[in-house]
Every structure is written in C-alpha cells, then in structure tokens.
Amino acid sequence: MNDLHRALGDISSIRRQMARSTEFRGYGPATLAATGLFALAAALLQAVFVRDPAHHIAAYLVIWDTTAVLSATLIGIQTWLRTRRVHSGMADEMLHMAIEQFVPSVGAGVLLTISIVRFVPAVSWMLPGLWQVTFSLGVFASCRFLPRAMPLAGAWYLLSGLTCIALGDIRALSPWAMGIPYCGGQLLVAAILFLNARKDSDAH
C-alpha cells in the first residue's frame, strides 16, 4: 500500500511539473475582448450617472466592482470549459496553476479597496491606479505559462496604473482612467492570444 501511495504521489508530482512547463490555453480571446468592452460600457455608465465620483464613491465602487465580478465570472466559466476541452487530462492541474498565479493579485486589490475606503477614504482617488498596478502583477505572474508577448499587457497595466497615481487628485476617478486602460489592456491580451493561436495553427 505504501508503494501504491508513493507511486500515485510521484504521478501527481509529474503531472504538476508537466503543467508548469506547458503553455496554458484556457483563456479565450473572444472572452477577454468582451471584458474589455464591459470596461468601456462601465466607463460610459459612470460618465452618465456618476459625474462627481469623489463625492459618490459608493456609486463609483458599485459600477466598477460589478463590472469586475461580471468579467471574472465570464472568464472563470469560459476558462473552465475551454481548459477541459483543450488540456483534457491535464485540465485540473492547468486550472490550479492559473488560479495560483493570478488570485493573489486579485486578493490584494480587494484588501486594498477595503482598507482605503474604510480607513482613509480621502485617498480613494488612488484606487484606479492601485487596481491597475495589482492587476499588472497578476499578469506578470502568469506570463511564464502564457504567450511570450504577454508581458506587454502587464507593462500596459503597470504604466496606466502609475499614470493614474501620478495624476495626484480626483482626476484619477475619471471614467476614462478605468475605461481606457482596461478596455485597451483586455483587447491587447485578446490580440496576443489570438495571434499566438493562429501562429500555432499555421505551424501545424
């Protein structure tokens, strides 16, 4: 029995190692592009209904938190289904690896939001920049099992986040300070995934 457990452990370890050295293909370009359009729609919604976000931070958070949840749900469902189809027998390991790489940055973004809104609401204008910086860290952490061009997307989010912080005031709460970075960033990610899939298809 001990030999059996050892053998199963070795197999599990080998599968995890294989997953870490395999390019993850669970993210679909169309889904990522759709979330970019969600961000644009949220920006338009904010522009119409929350014209003074600095004095209506709760409404601002409702718009962008709802957008984030909807986008994450769509990506999560599509990634689970696509990974089952593309990676078949390695699906569980590949999904675990994807979650392991990206979730810490999402958790950090949530905790930053709670901390700032609860304890230092006067600097809530920093939230868009901090969200983009933490998101960029998730992208960078995931780069090692994604297409080689993906660091470009991480750099986009990092630079856009730093730009928002550099504004230094409530201008960072402009709808376009979120809409443009996330729409552009997600479309960039979608383009990288699409071109990589097309290149692999041509190679075969």
N, C-alpha and C. Protein backbone atom coordinates (compact mmCIF):
# COMPACT_ATOMS: atom_id res chain seq x y z
N MET A 1 0.82 -1.20 0.00
CA MET A 1 0.00 0.00 0.00
C MET A 1 0.86 1.26 0.00
N ASN A 2 1.96 1.25 0.77
CA ASN A 2 2.85 2.39 0.79
C ASN A 2 3.46 2.64 -0.58
N ASP A 3 3.80 1.54 -1.28
CA ASP A 3 4.34 1.68 -2.63
C ASP A 3 3.32 2.31 -3.57
N LEU A 4 2.05 1.91 -3.39
CA LEU A 4 0.99 2.46 -4.23
C LEU A 4 0.84 3.96 -3.99
N HIS A 5 0.81 4.36 -2.71
CA HIS A 5 0.69 5.79 -2.39
C HIS A 5 1.89 6.57 -2.92
N ARG A 6 3.09 5.97 -2.82
CA ARG A 6 4.28 6.64 -3.32
C ARG A 6 4.22 6.81 -4.83
N ALA A 7 3.73 5.76 -5.50
CA ALA A 7 3.62 5.83 -6.96
C ALA A 7 2.61 6.88 -7.39
N LEU A 8 1.47 6.92 -6.68
CA LEU A 8 0.44 7.92 -7.00
C LEU A 8 0.98 9.34 -6.74
N GLY A 9 1.75 9.48 -5.68
CA GLY A 9 2.35 10.78 -5.37
C GLY A 9 3.33 11.20 -6.44
N ASP A 10 4.11 10.23 -6.93
CA ASP A 10 5.07 10.53 -7.99
C ASP A 10 4.35 10.95 -9.27
N ILE A 11 3.26 10.25 -9.58
CA ILE A 11 2.49 10.58 -10.78
C ILE A 11 1.92 11.99 -10.67
N SER A 12 1.37 12.29 -9.49
CA SER A 12 0.80 13.62 -9.26
C SER A 12 1.87 14.70 -9.40
N SER A 13 3.05 14.43 -8.87
CA SER A 13 4.15 15.38 -8.96
C SER A 13 4.58 15.59 -10.40
N ILE A 14 4.62 14.51 -11.17
CA ILE A 14 5.00 14.59 -12.58
C ILE A 14 3.97 15.42 -13.36
N ARG A 15 2.69 15.18 -13.06
CA ARG A 15 1.63 15.93 -13.74
C ARG A 15 1.72 17.42 -13.44
N ARG A 16 1.99 17.76 -12.18
CA ARG A 16 2.14 19.18 -11.82
C ARG A 16 3.33 19.80 -12.54
N GLN A 17 4.43 19.03 -12.64
CA GLN A 17 5.61 19.55 -13.32
C GLN A 17 5.34 19.75 -14.80
N MET A 18 4.60 18.82 -15.39
CA MET A 18 4.24 18.95 -16.81
C MET A 18 3.36 20.18 -17.01
N ALA A 19 2.42 20.42 -16.08
CA ALA A 19 1.53 21.57 -16.19
C ALA A 19 2.32 22.87 -16.14
N ARG A 20 3.35 22.91 -15.29
CA ARG A 20 4.15 24.12 -15.14
C ARG A 20 5.02 24.41 -16.37
N SER A 21 5.25 23.39 -17.18
CA SER A 21 6.08 23.59 -18.37
C SER A 21 5.25 23.62 -19.66
N THR A 22 3.91 23.65 -19.51
CA THR A 22 3.01 23.67 -20.66
C THR A 22 2.34 25.02 -20.78
N GLU A 23 2.26 25.54 -21.98
CA GLU A 23 1.58 26.82 -22.18
C GLU A 23 0.09 26.67 -21.92
N PHE A 24 -0.45 27.55 -21.10
CA PHE A 24 -1.87 27.49 -20.75
C PHE A 24 -2.70 28.08 -21.89
N ARG A 25 -3.69 27.33 -22.36
CA ARG A 25 -4.53 27.76 -23.47
C ARG A 25 -5.99 27.87 -23.06
N GLY A 26 -6.21 28.06 -21.77
CA GLY A 26 -7.59 28.11 -21.27
C GLY A 26 -8.28 29.44 -21.45
N TYR A 27 -7.52 30.50 -21.69
CA TYR A 27 -8.14 31.81 -21.87
C TYR A 27 -8.53 32.00 -23.33
N GLY A 28 -9.79 32.34 -23.55
CA GLY A 28 -10.27 32.54 -24.92
C GLY A 28 -10.18 34.00 -25.34
N PRO A 29 -9.65 34.31 -26.52
CA PRO A 29 -9.52 35.69 -26.98
C PRO A 29 -10.84 36.45 -27.00
N ALA A 30 -11.90 35.81 -27.47
CA ALA A 30 -13.19 36.49 -27.58
C ALA A 30 -13.71 36.90 -26.20
N THR A 31 -13.53 36.04 -25.22
CA THR A 31 -14.00 36.34 -23.86
C THR A 31 -13.22 37.50 -23.27
N LEU A 32 -11.90 37.49 -23.45
CA LEU A 32 -11.08 38.60 -22.93
C LEU A 32 -11.45 39.91 -23.62
N ALA A 33 -11.71 39.86 -24.91
CA ALA A 33 -12.12 41.07 -25.63
C ALA A 33 -13.46 41.57 -25.11
N ALA A 34 -14.37 40.65 -24.79
CA ALA A 34 -15.68 41.03 -24.27
C ALA A 34 -15.55 41.77 -22.94
N THR A 35 -14.62 41.33 -22.09
CA THR A 35 -14.44 42.02 -20.80
C THR A 35 -13.87 43.42 -21.00
N GLY A 36 -13.10 43.61 -22.06
CA GLY A 36 -12.63 44.95 -22.38
C GLY A 36 -13.79 45.86 -22.75
N LEU A 37 -14.77 45.31 -23.47
CA LEU A 37 -15.96 46.08 -23.83
C LEU A 37 -16.82 46.34 -22.60
N PHE A 38 -16.81 45.41 -21.65
CA PHE A 38 -17.51 45.63 -20.37
C PHE A 38 -16.95 46.88 -19.69
N ALA A 39 -15.62 46.99 -19.70
CA ALA A 39 -14.97 48.15 -19.06
C ALA A 39 -15.38 49.45 -19.75
N LEU A 40 -15.46 49.42 -21.06
CA LEU A 40 -15.87 50.60 -21.81
C LEU A 40 -17.32 50.97 -21.48
N ALA A 41 -18.17 49.95 -21.38
CA ALA A 41 -19.57 50.18 -21.03
C ALA A 41 -19.69 50.75 -19.62
N ALA A 42 -18.87 50.24 -18.70
CA ALA A 42 -18.89 50.75 -17.33
C ALA A 42 -18.45 52.21 -17.29
N ALA A 43 -17.46 52.56 -18.10
CA ALA A 43 -17.00 53.94 -18.15
C ALA A 43 -18.11 54.86 -18.66
N LEU A 44 -18.82 54.43 -19.68
CA LEU A 44 -19.93 55.23 -20.20
C LEU A 44 -21.03 55.36 -19.15
N LEU A 45 -21.30 54.28 -18.42
CA LEU A 45 -22.30 54.30 -17.36
C LEU A 45 -21.91 55.29 -16.27
N GLN A 46 -20.65 55.27 -15.89
CA GLN A 46 -20.17 56.21 -14.88
C GLN A 46 -20.28 57.65 -15.39
N ALA A 47 -19.91 57.86 -16.63
CA ALA A 47 -19.94 59.22 -17.19
C ALA A 47 -21.35 59.81 -17.16
N VAL A 48 -22.36 58.96 -17.30
CA VAL A 48 -23.74 59.43 -17.32
C VAL A 48 -24.32 59.57 -15.91
N PHE A 49 -24.08 58.57 -15.05
CA PHE A 49 -24.78 58.52 -13.77
C PHE A 49 -23.95 58.92 -12.55
N VAL A 50 -22.62 58.92 -12.67
CA VAL A 50 -21.78 59.29 -11.52
C VAL A 50 -20.80 60.36 -11.99
N ARG A 51 -21.30 61.57 -12.12
CA ARG A 51 -20.47 62.64 -12.67
C ARG A 51 -19.52 63.26 -11.65
N ASP A 52 -19.78 62.99 -10.36
CA ASP A 52 -18.91 63.50 -9.31
C ASP A 52 -18.49 62.34 -8.41
N PRO A 53 -17.66 61.43 -8.93
CA PRO A 53 -17.32 60.22 -8.18
C PRO A 53 -16.62 60.49 -6.85
N ALA A 54 -15.91 61.59 -6.74
CA ALA A 54 -15.21 61.89 -5.49
C ALA A 54 -16.18 62.03 -4.33
N HIS A 55 -17.42 62.50 -4.61
CA HIS A 55 -18.42 62.67 -3.55
C HIS A 55 -19.48 61.58 -3.59
N HIS A 56 -19.32 60.64 -4.48
CA HIS A 56 -20.24 59.50 -4.57
C HIS A 56 -19.43 58.23 -4.80
N ILE A 57 -18.47 58.01 -3.90
CA ILE A 57 -17.54 56.90 -4.08
C ILE A 57 -18.24 55.55 -4.03
N ALA A 58 -19.34 55.46 -3.25
CA ALA A 58 -20.07 54.20 -3.16
C ALA A 58 -20.65 53.81 -4.52
N ALA A 59 -21.25 54.80 -5.21
CA ALA A 59 -21.80 54.53 -6.54
C ALA A 59 -20.70 54.16 -7.53
N TYR A 60 -19.57 54.84 -7.41
CA TYR A 60 -18.41 54.54 -8.26
C TYR A 60 -17.97 53.09 -8.06
N LEU A 61 -17.89 52.68 -6.79
CA LEU A 61 -17.45 51.31 -6.49
C LEU A 61 -18.46 50.28 -6.97
N VAL A 62 -19.75 50.60 -6.88
CA VAL A 62 -20.77 49.66 -7.35
C VAL A 62 -20.58 49.38 -8.84
N ILE A 63 -20.36 50.42 -9.61
CA ILE A 63 -20.19 50.25 -11.06
C ILE A 63 -18.97 49.38 -11.36
N TRP A 64 -17.82 49.72 -10.77
CA TRP A 64 -16.60 49.02 -11.15
C TRP A 64 -16.47 47.66 -10.47
N ASP A 65 -16.99 47.52 -9.26
CA ASP A 65 -16.97 46.19 -8.62
C ASP A 65 -17.89 45.23 -9.36
N THR A 66 -19.06 45.72 -9.77
CA THR A 66 -19.99 44.88 -10.53
C THR A 66 -19.36 44.46 -11.86
N THR A 67 -18.71 45.39 -12.51
CA THR A 67 -18.03 45.07 -13.77
C THR A 67 -16.95 44.02 -13.56
N ALA A 68 -16.18 44.17 -12.48
CA ALA A 68 -15.12 43.20 -12.18
C ALA A 68 -15.69 41.82 -11.90
N VAL A 69 -16.78 41.76 -11.14
CA VAL A 69 -17.39 40.47 -10.82
C VAL A 69 -17.95 39.80 -12.07
N LEU A 70 -18.65 40.57 -12.90
CA LEU A 70 -19.20 40.02 -14.14
C LEU A 70 -18.09 39.51 -15.06
N SER A 71 -17.01 40.30 -15.17
CA SER A 71 -15.90 39.90 -16.03
C SER A 71 -15.22 38.64 -15.50
N ALA A 72 -15.00 38.60 -14.18
CA ALA A 72 -14.34 37.44 -13.58
C ALA A 72 -15.20 36.19 -13.72
N THR A 73 -16.52 36.36 -13.58
CA THR A 73 -17.43 35.22 -13.72
C THR A 73 -17.41 34.68 -15.15
N LEU A 74 -17.48 35.58 -16.12
CA LEU A 74 -17.45 35.17 -17.52
C LEU A 74 -16.14 34.47 -17.85
N ILE A 75 -15.03 35.07 -17.43
CA ILE A 75 -13.72 34.47 -17.70
C ILE A 75 -13.59 33.13 -17.01
N GLY A 76 -14.06 33.06 -15.75
CA GLY A 76 -13.96 31.81 -14.99
C GLY A 76 -14.70 30.66 -15.64
N ILE A 77 -15.96 30.92 -16.04
CA ILE A 77 -16.77 29.86 -16.67
C ILE A 77 -16.16 29.44 -18.00
N GLN A 78 -15.80 30.42 -18.82
CA GLN A 78 -15.24 30.10 -20.14
C GLN A 78 -13.91 29.38 -20.00
N THR A 79 -13.08 29.81 -19.05
CA THR A 79 -11.77 29.18 -18.87
C THR A 79 -11.92 27.73 -18.41
N TRP A 80 -12.85 27.50 -17.50
CA TRP A 80 -13.08 26.13 -17.02
C TRP A 80 -13.50 25.22 -18.17
N LEU A 81 -14.45 25.69 -18.99
CA LEU A 81 -14.95 24.88 -20.11
C LEU A 81 -13.86 24.68 -21.16
N ARG A 82 -13.14 25.76 -21.50
CA ARG A 82 -12.11 25.67 -22.54
C ARG A 82 -10.95 24.79 -22.09
N THR A 83 -10.56 24.91 -20.83
CA THR A 83 -9.44 24.10 -20.34
C THR A 83 -9.79 22.62 -20.38
N ARG A 84 -11.03 22.29 -20.04
CA ARG A 84 -11.47 20.88 -20.11
C ARG A 84 -11.35 20.35 -21.53
N ARG A 85 -11.63 21.24 -22.50
CA ARG A 85 -11.60 20.80 -23.89
C ARG A 85 -10.17 20.76 -24.44
N VAL A 86 -9.39 21.79 -24.14
CA VAL A 86 -8.06 21.93 -24.73
C VAL A 86 -7.01 21.06 -24.04
N HIS A 87 -7.04 21.07 -22.70
CA HIS A 87 -6.00 20.35 -21.95
C HIS A 87 -6.44 18.97 -21.46
N SER A 88 -7.68 18.62 -21.66
CA SER A 88 -8.26 17.31 -21.32
C SER A 88 -7.71 16.73 -20.01
N GLY A 89 -6.85 15.73 -20.08
CA GLY A 89 -6.38 15.04 -18.89
C GLY A 89 -5.58 15.89 -17.93
N MET A 90 -5.04 17.01 -18.42
CA MET A 90 -4.24 17.90 -17.58
C MET A 90 -5.06 19.10 -17.09
N ALA A 91 -6.37 19.07 -17.32
CA ALA A 91 -7.21 20.24 -17.05
C ALA A 91 -7.12 20.71 -15.60
N ASP A 92 -7.24 19.79 -14.65
CA ASP A 92 -7.24 20.18 -13.25
C ASP A 92 -5.92 20.85 -12.85
N GLU A 93 -4.82 20.28 -13.28
CA GLU A 93 -3.52 20.86 -12.95
C GLU A 93 -3.33 22.23 -13.59
N MET A 94 -3.79 22.37 -14.83
CA MET A 94 -3.63 23.64 -15.54
C MET A 94 -4.50 24.72 -14.91
N LEU A 95 -5.72 24.38 -14.53
CA LEU A 95 -6.60 25.35 -13.88
C LEU A 95 -6.03 25.78 -12.52
N HIS A 96 -5.54 24.80 -11.77
CA HIS A 96 -4.97 25.11 -10.47
C HIS A 96 -3.78 26.07 -10.62
N MET A 97 -2.98 25.84 -11.63
CA MET A 97 -1.81 26.68 -11.87
C MET A 97 -2.25 28.11 -12.23
N ALA A 98 -3.26 28.24 -13.08
CA ALA A 98 -3.74 29.56 -13.48
C ALA A 98 -4.28 30.34 -12.28
N ILE A 99 -5.06 29.64 -11.45
CA ILE A 99 -5.63 30.28 -10.25
C ILE A 99 -4.52 30.68 -9.29
N GLU A 100 -3.57 29.79 -9.12
CA GLU A 100 -2.46 30.02 -8.18
C GLU A 100 -1.66 31.26 -8.57
N GLN A 101 -1.54 31.53 -9.85
CA GLN A 101 -0.74 32.66 -10.30
C GLN A 101 -1.48 33.99 -10.20
N PHE A 102 -2.78 33.98 -10.46
CA PHE A 102 -3.49 35.26 -10.59
C PHE A 102 -4.26 35.69 -9.35
N VAL A 103 -4.77 34.74 -8.58
CA VAL A 103 -5.63 35.08 -7.45
C VAL A 103 -4.96 35.98 -6.40
N PRO A 104 -3.67 35.80 -6.07
CA PRO A 104 -3.07 36.69 -5.07
C PRO A 104 -3.19 38.17 -5.41
N SER A 105 -3.04 38.54 -6.68
CA SER A 105 -3.16 39.95 -7.06
C SER A 105 -4.60 40.42 -6.91
N VAL A 106 -5.55 39.55 -7.22
CA VAL A 106 -6.96 39.91 -7.06
C VAL A 106 -7.27 40.12 -5.58
N GLY A 107 -6.78 39.21 -4.74
CA GLY A 107 -6.99 39.35 -3.30
C GLY A 107 -6.38 40.63 -2.76
N ALA A 108 -5.18 40.96 -3.26
CA ALA A 108 -4.52 42.20 -2.82
C ALA A 108 -5.36 43.42 -3.21
N GLY A 109 -5.93 43.39 -4.42
CA GLY A 109 -6.76 44.50 -4.87
C GLY A 109 -8.00 44.67 -4.00
N VAL A 110 -8.62 43.56 -3.63
CA VAL A 110 -9.81 43.61 -2.77
C VAL A 110 -9.46 44.18 -1.40
N LEU A 111 -8.37 43.70 -0.82
CA LEU A 111 -7.96 44.17 0.51
C LEU A 111 -7.56 45.64 0.49
N LEU A 112 -6.88 46.07 -0.57
CA LEU A 112 -6.53 47.49 -0.71
C LEU A 112 -7.78 48.36 -0.76
N THR A 113 -8.78 47.91 -1.52
CA THR A 113 -10.02 48.66 -1.63
C THR A 113 -10.71 48.80 -0.28
N ILE A 114 -10.83 47.70 0.44
CA ILE A 114 -11.48 47.73 1.75
C ILE A 114 -10.72 48.63 2.71
N SER A 115 -9.40 48.52 2.71
CA SER A 115 -8.58 49.31 3.64
C SER A 115 -8.71 50.81 3.36
N ILE A 116 -8.64 51.19 2.09
CA ILE A 116 -8.70 52.61 1.75
C ILE A 116 -10.09 53.19 2.00
N VAL A 117 -11.13 52.50 1.54
CA VAL A 117 -12.49 53.01 1.70
C VAL A 117 -12.89 53.07 3.18
N ARG A 118 -12.43 52.08 3.94
CA ARG A 118 -12.83 52.01 5.35
C ARG A 118 -12.03 52.96 6.24
N PHE A 119 -10.74 53.08 5.98
CA PHE A 119 -9.88 53.81 6.92
C PHE A 119 -9.33 55.13 6.40
N VAL A 120 -9.10 55.25 5.09
CA VAL A 120 -8.56 56.52 4.55
C VAL A 120 -9.32 56.91 3.28
N PRO A 121 -10.63 57.16 3.39
CA PRO A 121 -11.44 57.47 2.20
C PRO A 121 -10.97 58.71 1.45
N ALA A 122 -10.20 59.57 2.12
CA ALA A 122 -9.72 60.79 1.45
C ALA A 122 -8.80 60.49 0.28
N VAL A 123 -8.19 59.31 0.29
CA VAL A 123 -7.28 58.96 -0.82
C VAL A 123 -7.91 57.91 -1.74
N SER A 124 -9.22 57.87 -1.76
CA SER A 124 -9.92 56.91 -2.63
C SER A 124 -9.60 57.14 -4.11
N TRP A 125 -9.15 58.36 -4.44
CA TRP A 125 -8.77 58.63 -5.84
C TRP A 125 -7.61 57.75 -6.30
N MET A 126 -6.89 57.14 -5.35
CA MET A 126 -5.77 56.27 -5.72
C MET A 126 -6.23 54.88 -6.19
N LEU A 127 -7.48 54.54 -5.93
CA LEU A 127 -7.95 53.18 -6.21
C LEU A 127 -7.77 52.75 -7.67
N PRO A 128 -8.16 53.56 -8.67
CA PRO A 128 -7.97 53.10 -10.05
C PRO A 128 -6.53 52.73 -10.36
N GLY A 129 -5.59 53.57 -9.93
CA GLY A 129 -4.18 53.28 -10.18
C GLY A 129 -3.71 52.03 -9.45
N LEU A 130 -4.13 51.88 -8.20
CA LEU A 130 -3.73 50.70 -7.42
C LEU A 130 -4.34 49.43 -8.01
N TRP A 131 -5.58 49.51 -8.46
CA TRP A 131 -6.20 48.34 -9.10
C TRP A 131 -5.40 47.90 -10.32
N GLN A 132 -5.01 48.87 -11.13
CA GLN A 132 -4.29 48.53 -12.36
C GLN A 132 -2.88 47.99 -12.06
N VAL A 133 -2.24 48.54 -11.04
CA VAL A 133 -0.90 48.05 -10.67
C VAL A 133 -1.00 46.61 -10.16
N THR A 134 -1.97 46.33 -9.27
CA THR A 134 -2.11 44.97 -8.75
C THR A 134 -2.52 44.00 -9.86
N PHE A 135 -3.34 44.47 -10.80
CA PHE A 135 -3.72 43.63 -11.93
C PHE A 135 -2.51 43.30 -12.78
N SER A 136 -1.64 44.29 -12.96
CA SER A 136 -0.42 44.06 -13.75
C SER A 136 0.45 42.99 -13.09
N LEU A 137 0.49 42.97 -11.77
CA LEU A 137 1.29 41.95 -11.08
C LEU A 137 0.73 40.55 -11.34
N GLY A 138 -0.60 40.45 -11.42
CA GLY A 138 -1.20 39.17 -11.76
C GLY A 138 -0.85 38.73 -13.17
N VAL A 139 -0.84 39.69 -14.10
CA VAL A 139 -0.47 39.38 -15.48
C VAL A 139 1.00 38.94 -15.54
N PHE A 140 1.88 39.69 -14.88
CA PHE A 140 3.30 39.32 -14.89
C PHE A 140 3.52 37.95 -14.26
N ALA A 141 2.80 37.66 -13.18
CA ALA A 141 2.95 36.36 -12.51
C ALA A 141 2.52 35.21 -13.41
N SER A 142 1.57 35.50 -14.31
CA SER A 142 1.05 34.45 -15.20
C SER A 142 1.84 34.31 -16.49
N CYS A 143 2.76 35.23 -16.74
CA CYS A 143 3.43 35.28 -18.05
C CYS A 143 4.22 34.02 -18.38
N ARG A 144 4.72 33.34 -17.36
CA ARG A 144 5.61 32.21 -17.66
C ARG A 144 4.90 31.04 -18.31
N PHE A 145 3.55 31.01 -18.24
CA PHE A 145 2.86 29.92 -18.93
C PHE A 145 1.87 30.45 -19.96
N LEU A 146 2.09 31.71 -20.37
CA LEU A 146 1.28 32.32 -21.42
C LEU A 146 2.18 32.71 -22.58
N PRO A 147 1.62 33.15 -23.72
CA PRO A 147 2.45 33.54 -24.87
C PRO A 147 3.54 34.54 -24.50
N ARG A 148 4.64 34.49 -25.22
CA ARG A 148 5.83 35.29 -24.88
C ARG A 148 5.57 36.80 -24.91
N ALA A 149 4.58 37.23 -25.68
CA ALA A 149 4.30 38.67 -25.79
C ALA A 149 3.46 39.20 -24.63
N MET A 150 3.00 38.33 -23.74
CA MET A 150 2.08 38.76 -22.69
C MET A 150 2.65 39.80 -21.74
N PRO A 151 3.98 39.87 -21.50
CA PRO A 151 4.49 40.96 -20.65
C PRO A 151 4.13 42.35 -21.16
N LEU A 152 3.84 42.47 -22.45
CA LEU A 152 3.40 43.77 -22.98
C LEU A 152 2.11 44.22 -22.30
N ALA A 153 1.21 43.26 -22.06
CA ALA A 153 -0.05 43.59 -21.39
C ALA A 153 0.21 43.96 -19.94
N GLY A 154 1.12 43.23 -19.28
CA GLY A 154 1.47 43.58 -17.92
C GLY A 154 2.06 44.98 -17.83
N ALA A 155 2.91 45.33 -18.79
CA ALA A 155 3.52 46.66 -18.82
C ALA A 155 2.46 47.73 -19.07
N TRP A 156 1.49 47.44 -19.91
CA TRP A 156 0.40 48.39 -20.18
C TRP A 156 -0.33 48.73 -18.89
N TYR A 157 -0.73 47.68 -18.15
CA TYR A 157 -1.48 47.92 -16.91
C TYR A 157 -0.62 48.61 -15.85
N LEU A 158 0.64 48.27 -15.78
CA LEU A 158 1.53 48.91 -14.81
C LEU A 158 1.68 50.41 -15.12
N LEU A 159 1.94 50.73 -16.38
CA LEU A 159 2.14 52.13 -16.76
C LEU A 159 0.85 52.94 -16.63
N SER A 160 -0.27 52.34 -16.99
CA SER A 160 -1.54 53.06 -16.86
C SER A 160 -1.87 53.30 -15.39
N GLY A 161 -1.58 52.31 -14.55
CA GLY A 161 -1.82 52.48 -13.12
C GLY A 161 -0.95 53.56 -12.51
N LEU A 162 0.31 53.57 -12.87
CA LEU A 162 1.23 54.59 -12.37
C LEU A 162 0.83 55.98 -12.87
N THR A 163 0.31 56.03 -14.09
CA THR A 163 -0.15 57.31 -14.63
C THR A 163 -1.34 57.84 -13.82
N CYS A 164 -2.26 56.95 -13.47
CA CYS A 164 -3.40 57.36 -12.65
C CYS A 164 -2.94 57.90 -11.30
N ILE A 165 -2.00 57.21 -10.68
CA ILE A 165 -1.49 57.65 -9.38
C ILE A 165 -0.77 58.98 -9.53
N ALA A 166 -0.04 59.15 -10.62
CA ALA A 166 0.72 60.38 -10.85
C ALA A 166 -0.18 61.59 -11.04
N LEU A 167 -1.45 61.37 -11.42
CA LEU A 167 -2.37 62.50 -11.55
C LEU A 167 -2.52 63.21 -10.22
N GLY A 168 -2.46 62.45 -9.12
CA GLY A 168 -2.39 63.05 -7.80
C GLY A 168 -3.66 63.66 -7.25
N ASP A 169 -4.81 63.48 -7.91
CA ASP A 169 -6.04 64.05 -7.39
C ASP A 169 -7.24 63.30 -7.98
N ILE A 170 -8.43 63.90 -7.84
CA ILE A 170 -9.66 63.21 -8.23
C ILE A 170 -9.79 62.98 -9.73
N ARG A 171 -8.87 63.54 -10.52
CA ARG A 171 -8.90 63.24 -11.97
C ARG A 171 -8.73 61.74 -12.21
N ALA A 172 -8.09 61.05 -11.26
CA ALA A 172 -7.89 59.60 -11.39
C ALA A 172 -9.21 58.84 -11.33
N LEU A 173 -10.27 59.50 -10.83
CA LEU A 173 -11.59 58.85 -10.76
C LEU A 173 -12.41 59.07 -12.02
N SER A 174 -11.82 59.71 -13.01
CA SER A 174 -12.50 59.88 -14.30
C SER A 174 -12.89 58.51 -14.85
N PRO A 175 -14.04 58.40 -15.49
CA PRO A 175 -14.43 57.11 -16.07
C PRO A 175 -13.41 56.57 -17.05
N TRP A 176 -12.70 57.48 -17.72
CA TRP A 176 -11.74 57.04 -18.75
C TRP A 176 -10.43 56.58 -18.14
N ALA A 177 -10.19 56.92 -16.87
CA ALA A 177 -8.99 56.42 -16.19
C ALA A 177 -9.10 54.93 -15.89
N MET A 178 -10.32 54.40 -15.96
CA MET A 178 -10.54 52.96 -15.85
C MET A 178 -10.93 52.35 -17.20
N GLY A 179 -11.81 53.06 -17.90
CA GLY A 179 -12.33 52.51 -19.15
C GLY A 179 -11.27 52.29 -20.20
N ILE A 180 -10.42 53.29 -20.43
CA ILE A 180 -9.39 53.16 -21.47
C ILE A 180 -8.34 52.10 -21.11
N PRO A 181 -7.77 52.13 -19.89
CA PRO A 181 -6.76 51.11 -19.56
C PRO A 181 -7.28 49.68 -19.64
N TYR A 182 -8.47 49.44 -19.08
CA TYR A 182 -8.97 48.06 -19.06
C TYR A 182 -9.50 47.62 -20.41
N CYS A 183 -10.13 48.53 -21.15
CA CYS A 183 -10.57 48.17 -22.50
C CYS A 183 -9.36 47.88 -23.37
N GLY A 184 -8.39 48.81 -23.37
CA GLY A 184 -7.19 48.62 -24.17
C GLY A 184 -6.39 47.41 -23.74
N GLY A 185 -6.26 47.23 -22.44
CA GLY A 185 -5.47 46.11 -21.93
C GLY A 185 -6.07 44.76 -22.27
N GLN A 186 -7.38 44.64 -22.08
CA GLN A 186 -8.03 43.36 -22.38
C GLN A 186 -8.04 43.06 -23.88
N LEU A 187 -8.21 44.10 -24.68
CA LEU A 187 -8.13 43.89 -26.13
C LEU A 187 -6.72 43.49 -26.55
N LEU A 188 -5.72 44.05 -25.87
CA LEU A 188 -4.33 43.67 -26.15
C LEU A 188 -4.09 42.21 -25.79
N VAL A 189 -4.57 41.80 -24.62
CA VAL A 189 -4.45 40.40 -24.21
C VAL A 189 -5.14 39.49 -25.22
N ALA A 190 -6.35 39.87 -25.63
CA ALA A 190 -7.10 39.06 -26.60
C ALA A 190 -6.33 38.95 -27.92
N ALA A 191 -5.74 40.05 -28.36
CA ALA A 191 -4.98 40.04 -29.62
C ALA A 191 -3.76 39.12 -29.51
N ILE A 192 -3.07 39.18 -28.39
CA ILE A 192 -1.89 38.32 -28.20
C ILE A 192 -2.29 36.85 -28.23
N LEU A 193 -3.38 36.52 -27.53
CA LEU A 193 -3.85 35.13 -27.51
C LEU A 193 -4.29 34.67 -28.90
N PHE A 194 -4.99 35.55 -29.61
CA PHE A 194 -5.48 35.20 -30.95
C PHE A 194 -4.32 34.97 -31.91
N LEU A 195 -3.36 35.88 -31.92
CA LEU A 195 -2.23 35.76 -32.84
C LEU A 195 -1.37 34.55 -32.50
N ASN A 196 -1.25 34.25 -31.21
CA ASN A 196 -0.47 33.07 -30.80
C ASN A 196 -1.16 31.80 -31.26
N ALA A 197 -2.48 31.74 -31.10
CA ALA A 197 -3.23 30.56 -31.53
C ALA A 197 -3.15 30.40 -33.04
N ARG A 198 -3.21 31.52 -33.75
CA ARG A 198 -3.12 31.46 -35.22
C ARG A 198 -1.74 31.00 -35.66
N LYS A 199 -0.69 31.47 -34.98
CA LYS A 199 0.67 31.06 -35.31
C LYS A 199 0.85 29.57 -35.08
N ASP A 200 0.31 29.07 -33.97
CA ASP A 200 0.42 27.64 -33.69
C ASP A 200 -0.34 26.82 -34.72
N SER A 201 -1.50 27.35 -35.14
CA SER A 201 -2.29 26.65 -36.15
C SER A 201 -1.54 26.58 -37.48
N ASP A 202 -0.90 27.69 -37.86
CA ASP A 202 -0.14 27.70 -39.11
C ASP A 202 1.06 26.77 -39.04
N ALA A 203 1.64 26.65 -37.84
CA ALA A 203 2.81 25.79 -37.68
C ALA A 203 2.47 24.33 -37.85
N HIS A 204 1.19 24.00 -37.57
CA HIS A 204 0.77 22.61 -37.72
C HIS A 204 0.12 22.38 -39.07
